[in-house]
Amino acid sequence: MARYWPSLLLLAAIWGGSYLFIKVAVEDIPPAAMTELRLLIAGALLTAYLALRVGARGSVAELRAAWLPCLVLGTINAALPMTLVAWGETHIDSSIAAITQSSVPIFVVLLSLRFLPHEPLGTSRITGLAIGLAGVALVTGVHPEGNWWAVAGTLAVVLSSLSYASGGVYGQLQVHGTSGPVLAAGSMLAGALILLPFAVADPPTQAPGATAIAGLAALILLPTVLGQLLLFRMLRLFGSRRMSLVTYLMPGFAVVYGAVLLDEPATAAALGGLALILVGVALASGQRLLGTRVQENPA
């Protein structure tokens, strides 16, 4: 238990930084090309990590056996949502992207009504859905630049949240008996393969600057590789319910990073939208911030 909060805060800080790194990288590298490099390099590093654990032959065999879930997750949990976020951040602040994407659990609950009907829908959940969606609507209307491209960028991040939620529901329904590192490495490589034609069609027009390269490198090593490994370690030690509390912490880190390092405004409307989304998440998911017992992940 003593290791839980430091690990959770570390993961939230790492994942909260992804929006900052994306914002810096897409200044010089188009969204599809940037995401392609992110997935390809992260996939190679995660595959190397897997090979160190089970050997080269074992890693190839496990990846081949899990090719279908890796392909699906590579599409809806990597290539599509990551590219949407990257494109969205060409038009909106990184903090707005992070706040908007904190709505992922809201979409998980909505999808569960259709695909996971065993969860009862009571008054509290309905209220939470309404509050959370109101928060998303409020954040979507926040565009300091005063143009519709900012609204489009925010909507792209909303779609990425729906895509990530679909990946979570798919994983719960379809993925059994496949280790976390295999799914992480395989989905990254599959996503890179899917994105390759789009990256080739829209390459950088000039050599990226040092700042963009540093942002991409940090994005790959911290949120994508280290974050994935820390995620699966925490799932094994503490279970998915306690792991999900990262949703409440990650946007706060992203807002601080954006305000301090990128001089992005932390507007009252954006912060109000964040508050509504998080209250909605808490009610709709039935999550409690305190008092939950540590659960072991059965996988």
Protein backbone atom coordinates (compact mmCIF):
# COMPACT_ATOMS: atom_id res chain seq x y z
CA MET A 1 0.00 0.00 0.00
CA ALA A 2 2.92 2.33 0.76
CA ARG A 3 4.02 2.03 -2.87
CA TYR A 4 0.59 2.74 -4.33
CA TRP A 5 0.38 6.54 -4.09
CA PRO A 6 3.98 7.25 -5.21
CA SER A 7 3.48 4.94 -8.20
CA LEU A 8 0.10 6.49 -9.04
CA LEU A 9 1.44 10.05 -8.82
CA LEU A 10 4.46 9.12 -10.94
CA LEU A 11 2.26 7.61 -13.66
CA ALA A 12 -0.08 10.64 -13.61
CA ALA A 13 2.91 12.99 -13.90
CA ILE A 14 4.34 10.98 -16.81
CA TRP A 15 1.06 10.68 -18.70
CA GLY A 16 0.14 14.29 -17.97
CA GLY A 17 3.36 15.31 -19.71
CA SER A 18 2.39 13.59 -22.95
CA TYR A 19 0.23 16.55 -24.02
CA LEU A 20 3.13 18.94 -23.47
CA PHE A 21 5.48 16.74 -25.50
CA ILE A 22 2.93 16.37 -28.32
CA LYS A 23 2.40 20.13 -28.46
CA VAL A 24 6.14 20.70 -28.80
CA ALA A 25 6.68 17.93 -31.38
CA VAL A 26 3.83 18.86 -33.75
CA GLU A 27 5.26 22.34 -34.18
CA ASP A 28 7.72 20.84 -36.72
CA ILE A 29 6.43 17.31 -37.42
CA PRO A 30 2.99 16.66 -38.99
CA PRO A 31 0.60 14.68 -36.73
CA ALA A 32 0.59 11.40 -38.69
CA ALA A 33 4.37 11.39 -39.15
CA MET A 34 4.96 12.26 -35.50
CA THR A 35 2.61 9.51 -34.31
CA GLU A 36 4.20 7.04 -36.75
CA LEU A 37 7.64 7.68 -35.28
CA ARG A 38 6.22 7.49 -31.77
CA LEU A 39 4.58 4.11 -32.34
CA LEU A 40 7.37 2.58 -34.39
CA ILE A 41 10.19 3.43 -32.00
CA ALA A 42 8.13 2.65 -28.90
CA GLY A 43 7.08 -0.67 -30.45
CA ALA A 44 10.70 -1.57 -31.17
CA LEU A 45 11.78 -0.70 -27.61
CA LEU A 46 8.89 -2.64 -26.06
CA THR A 47 9.65 -5.63 -28.31
CA ALA A 48 13.27 -5.54 -27.18
CA TYR A 49 12.06 -5.49 -23.57
CA LEU A 50 9.80 -8.46 -24.29
CA ALA A 51 12.69 -10.34 -25.91
CA LEU A 52 14.81 -9.81 -22.82
CA ARG A 53 12.05 -11.38 -20.73
CA VAL A 54 11.07 -14.40 -22.83
CA GLY A 55 13.76 -14.61 -25.51
CA ALA A 56 13.64 -13.67 -29.19
CA ARG A 57 11.78 -16.78 -30.30
CA GLY A 58 9.34 -16.56 -27.44
CA SER A 59 8.55 -12.91 -28.13
CA VAL A 60 7.93 -13.59 -31.83
CA ALA A 61 5.69 -16.54 -30.99
CA GLU A 62 3.66 -14.53 -28.46
CA LEU A 63 3.26 -11.59 -30.83
CA ARG A 64 2.11 -13.87 -33.66
CA ALA A 65 -0.40 -15.60 -31.40
CA ALA A 66 -1.87 -12.23 -30.38
CA TRP A 67 -1.89 -10.64 -33.83
CA LEU A 68 -5.67 -10.00 -33.99
CA PRO A 69 -6.14 -8.20 -30.64
CA CYS A 70 -2.90 -6.32 -31.30
CA LEU A 71 -4.23 -5.20 -34.68
CA VAL A 72 -7.55 -4.04 -33.24
CA LEU A 73 -5.92 -2.30 -30.28
CA GLY A 74 -3.25 -0.84 -32.55
CA THR A 75 -6.05 0.81 -34.52
CA ILE A 76 -8.50 2.01 -31.86
CA ASN A 77 -6.14 2.33 -28.91
CA ALA A 78 -3.03 3.70 -30.62
CA ALA A 79 -2.97 4.88 -34.24
CA LEU A 80 -6.38 6.58 -34.41
CA PRO A 81 -6.62 8.29 -31.00
CA MET A 82 -2.96 9.34 -30.85
CA THR A 83 -3.17 10.92 -34.30
CA LEU A 84 -6.42 12.69 -33.40
CA VAL A 85 -4.83 14.15 -30.27
CA ALA A 86 -1.75 15.24 -32.21
CA TRP A 87 -3.90 16.90 -34.89
CA GLY A 88 -6.10 18.49 -32.26
CA GLU A 89 -3.08 20.03 -30.55
CA THR A 90 -2.16 21.85 -33.73
CA HIS A 91 -5.23 24.00 -32.99
CA ILE A 92 -5.70 23.93 -29.19
CA ASP A 93 -3.61 24.21 -26.03
CA SER A 94 -2.15 21.06 -24.52
CA SER A 95 -4.08 21.67 -21.30
CA ILE A 96 -7.40 21.79 -23.18
CA ALA A 97 -6.52 18.47 -24.85
CA ALA A 98 -5.75 16.87 -21.48
CA ILE A 99 -8.95 18.16 -19.88
CA THR A 100 -11.04 16.93 -22.81
CA GLN A 101 -9.45 13.50 -22.76
CA SER A 102 -10.21 13.05 -19.09
CA SER A 103 -13.69 12.18 -20.37
CA VAL A 104 -12.58 8.69 -21.48
CA PRO A 105 -14.36 6.93 -18.54
CA ILE A 106 -17.59 8.72 -19.47
CA PHE A 107 -17.50 7.09 -22.91
CA VAL A 108 -16.57 3.75 -21.34
CA VAL A 109 -19.79 3.88 -19.32
CA LEU A 110 -21.83 4.83 -22.40
CA LEU A 111 -20.36 1.97 -24.45
CA SER A 112 -20.86 -0.42 -21.55
CA LEU A 113 -24.61 0.21 -21.72
CA ARG A 114 -24.56 -1.54 -25.11
CA PHE A 115 -21.71 -4.01 -24.85
CA LEU A 116 -21.43 -4.67 -21.08
CA PRO A 117 -25.09 -4.66 -19.99
CA HIS A 118 -24.39 -6.47 -16.71
CA GLU A 119 -23.60 -3.10 -15.08
CA PRO A 120 -26.83 -1.59 -13.62
CA LEU A 121 -27.62 2.00 -14.60
CA GLY A 122 -28.98 3.86 -11.57
CA THR A 123 -29.80 7.48 -10.89
CA SER A 124 -26.24 8.25 -9.79
CA ARG A 125 -24.75 6.95 -13.05
CA ILE A 126 -27.27 8.82 -15.19
CA THR A 127 -26.53 12.02 -13.28
CA GLY A 128 -22.81 11.44 -13.70
CA LEU A 129 -23.15 10.93 -17.45
CA ALA A 130 -25.12 14.15 -17.78
CA ILE A 131 -22.63 16.16 -15.70
CA GLY A 132 -19.62 14.69 -17.49
CA LEU A 133 -21.03 15.35 -20.96
CA ALA A 134 -21.89 18.91 -19.89
CA GLY A 135 -18.23 19.33 -18.93
CA VAL A 136 -17.12 18.06 -22.33
CA ALA A 137 -19.51 20.51 -24.01
CA LEU A 138 -18.17 23.37 -21.88
CA VAL A 139 -14.54 22.59 -22.71
CA THR A 140 -15.39 22.21 -26.41
CA GLY A 141 -16.65 25.78 -26.36
CA VAL A 142 -13.39 27.08 -24.86
CA HIS A 143 -11.28 28.44 -27.73
CA PRO A 144 -9.18 31.44 -26.70
CA GLU A 145 -8.08 32.05 -30.29
CA GLY A 146 -11.74 32.63 -31.19
CA ASN A 147 -11.87 30.44 -34.30
CA TRP A 148 -13.68 27.30 -35.35
CA TRP A 149 -10.44 25.38 -35.91
CA ALA A 150 -10.02 25.36 -32.13
CA VAL A 151 -13.48 23.82 -31.78
CA ALA A 152 -12.55 21.24 -34.43
CA GLY A 153 -9.33 20.46 -32.58
CA THR A 154 -11.23 19.90 -29.34
CA LEU A 155 -13.77 17.68 -31.11
CA ALA A 156 -10.87 15.62 -32.50
CA VAL A 157 -9.72 14.97 -28.94
CA VAL A 158 -13.31 14.05 -27.98
CA LEU A 159 -13.26 11.46 -30.78
CA SER A 160 -9.92 10.18 -29.50
CA SER A 161 -11.53 9.70 -26.08
CA LEU A 162 -14.29 7.64 -27.68
CA SER A 163 -11.66 5.60 -29.51
CA TYR A 164 -9.68 4.94 -26.33
CA ALA A 165 -12.91 3.95 -24.56
CA SER A 166 -13.70 1.52 -27.38
CA GLY A 167 -10.26 0.00 -26.93
CA GLY A 168 -10.91 -0.48 -23.23
CA VAL A 169 -14.26 -2.18 -23.79
CA TYR A 170 -12.81 -4.37 -26.56
CA GLY A 171 -9.97 -5.40 -24.29
CA GLN A 172 -12.37 -6.36 -21.52
CA LEU A 173 -14.50 -8.44 -23.89
CA GLN A 174 -11.92 -10.05 -26.16
CA VAL A 175 -8.46 -10.16 -24.64
CA HIS A 176 -7.82 -13.10 -22.31
CA GLY A 177 -4.57 -14.78 -21.40
CA THR A 178 -2.31 -12.33 -23.25
CA SER A 179 0.37 -10.58 -21.21
CA GLY A 180 0.50 -6.80 -20.93
CA PRO A 181 3.96 -6.37 -22.53
CA VAL A 182 2.84 -8.44 -25.54
CA LEU A 183 -0.25 -6.29 -26.05
CA ALA A 184 1.76 -3.09 -25.53
CA ALA A 185 4.49 -4.03 -28.03
CA GLY A 186 2.12 -5.61 -30.56
CA SER A 187 -0.39 -2.76 -30.56
CA MET A 188 2.38 -0.17 -31.00
CA LEU A 189 3.83 -2.06 -33.99
CA ALA A 190 0.39 -2.66 -35.53
CA GLY A 191 -0.50 1.01 -35.12
CA ALA A 192 2.74 2.02 -36.82
CA LEU A 193 1.95 -0.27 -39.76
CA ILE A 194 -1.54 1.19 -40.13
CA LEU A 195 -0.28 4.78 -40.00
CA LEU A 196 2.62 4.29 -42.41
CA PRO A 197 0.78 5.34 -45.63
CA PHE A 198 -0.54 8.51 -43.95
CA ALA A 199 2.88 9.41 -42.59
CA VAL A 200 4.47 8.94 -46.03
CA ALA A 201 1.73 11.07 -47.62
CA ASP A 202 2.39 14.00 -45.25
CA PRO A 203 6.10 14.07 -44.30
CA PRO A 204 7.83 17.03 -42.63
CA THR A 205 8.61 19.77 -45.14
CA GLN A 206 11.90 20.56 -43.41
CA ALA A 207 14.21 19.04 -40.83
CA PRO A 208 12.61 19.25 -37.37
CA GLY A 209 14.29 21.54 -34.87
CA ALA A 210 16.04 20.37 -31.73
CA THR A 211 13.07 21.26 -29.54
CA ALA A 212 10.64 19.16 -31.59
CA ILE A 213 13.05 16.22 -31.64
CA ALA A 214 13.51 16.48 -27.87
CA GLY A 215 9.72 16.60 -27.40
CA LEU A 216 9.26 13.50 -29.58
CA ALA A 217 12.03 11.63 -27.76
CA ALA A 218 10.51 12.46 -24.38
CA LEU A 219 7.06 11.43 -25.66
CA ILE A 220 8.39 8.04 -26.77
CA LEU A 221 10.52 7.24 -23.73
CA LEU A 222 8.32 8.57 -20.92
CA PRO A 223 4.53 8.30 -21.57
CA THR A 224 4.71 5.65 -24.31
CA VAL A 225 7.37 3.18 -23.11
CA LEU A 226 7.94 3.84 -19.40
CA GLY A 227 4.27 4.69 -18.90
CA GLN A 228 3.16 1.39 -20.48
CA LEU A 229 5.52 -0.68 -18.33
CA LEU A 230 4.50 1.18 -15.16
CA LEU A 231 0.84 0.76 -16.08
CA PHE A 232 1.03 -3.02 -16.37
CA ARG A 233 3.12 -3.28 -13.18
CA MET A 234 0.48 -1.29 -11.27
CA LEU A 235 -2.33 -3.38 -12.75
CA ARG A 236 -0.58 -6.51 -11.47
CA LEU A 237 0.06 -5.09 -8.00
CA PHE A 238 -3.06 -3.04 -7.31
CA GLY A 239 -5.76 -4.00 -9.82
CA SER A 240 -7.67 -2.01 -12.41
CA ARG A 241 -10.07 -0.19 -10.06
CA ARG A 242 -7.34 1.51 -8.02
CA MET A 243 -5.36 2.03 -11.21
CA SER A 244 -8.25 4.02 -12.71
CA LEU A 245 -7.76 6.83 -10.18
CA VAL A 246 -4.99 8.13 -12.46
CA THR A 247 -7.84 9.69 -14.48
CA TYR A 248 -8.40 12.25 -11.72
CA LEU A 249 -4.76 13.25 -11.37
CA MET A 250 -3.40 13.35 -14.93
CA PRO A 251 -5.27 16.46 -16.19
CA GLY A 252 -4.04 18.53 -13.23
CA PHE A 253 -0.42 17.78 -14.10
CA ALA A 254 -1.08 18.64 -17.76
CA VAL A 255 -2.67 21.99 -16.87
CA VAL A 256 0.31 22.89 -14.66
CA TYR A 257 2.82 21.87 -17.33
CA GLY A 258 1.00 23.91 -19.98
CA ALA A 259 0.71 27.00 -17.79
CA VAL A 260 4.29 26.93 -16.49
CA LEU A 261 6.24 25.68 -19.52
CA LEU A 262 4.11 26.82 -22.48
CA ASP A 263 2.47 29.90 -20.95
CA GLU A 264 -0.99 28.52 -21.71
CA PRO A 265 -3.92 30.25 -19.96
CA ALA A 266 -5.76 28.25 -17.30
CA THR A 267 -9.19 29.79 -17.92
CA ALA A 268 -12.10 29.54 -15.51
CA ALA A 269 -14.21 27.85 -18.20
CA ALA A 270 -11.57 25.18 -18.82
CA LEU A 271 -11.12 24.48 -15.12
CA GLY A 272 -14.89 24.43 -14.65
CA GLY A 273 -15.20 21.92 -17.47
CA LEU A 274 -12.51 19.77 -15.85
CA ALA A 275 -14.38 19.84 -12.54
CA LEU A 276 -17.64 18.79 -14.22
CA ILE A 277 -15.94 15.97 -16.14
CA LEU A 278 -14.25 14.56 -13.05
CA VAL A 279 -17.42 14.75 -10.95
CA GLY A 280 -19.26 13.03 -13.80
CA VAL A 281 -16.56 10.34 -14.02
CA ALA A 282 -16.78 9.68 -10.29
CA LEU A 283 -20.59 9.34 -10.35
CA ALA A 284 -20.92 7.46 -13.65
CA SER A 285 -18.18 4.94 -12.89
CA GLY A 286 -19.12 4.46 -9.26
CA GLN A 287 -15.52 5.15 -8.32
CA ARG A 288 -14.58 6.29 -4.84
CA LEU A 289 -11.46 8.33 -4.28
CA LEU A 290 -10.98 6.91 -0.78
CA GLY A 291 -11.92 3.70 0.93
CA THR A 292 -11.41 1.21 -1.91
CA ARG A 293 -9.44 -1.90 -1.06
CA VAL A 294 -6.39 -2.96 -3.04
CA GLN A 295 -7.37 -5.61 -5.56
CA GLU A 296 -5.11 -8.06 -7.35
CA ASN A 297 -5.40 -8.20 -11.11
CA PRO A 298 -6.46 -11.73 -12.10
CA ALA A 299 -4.57 -11.60 -15.37
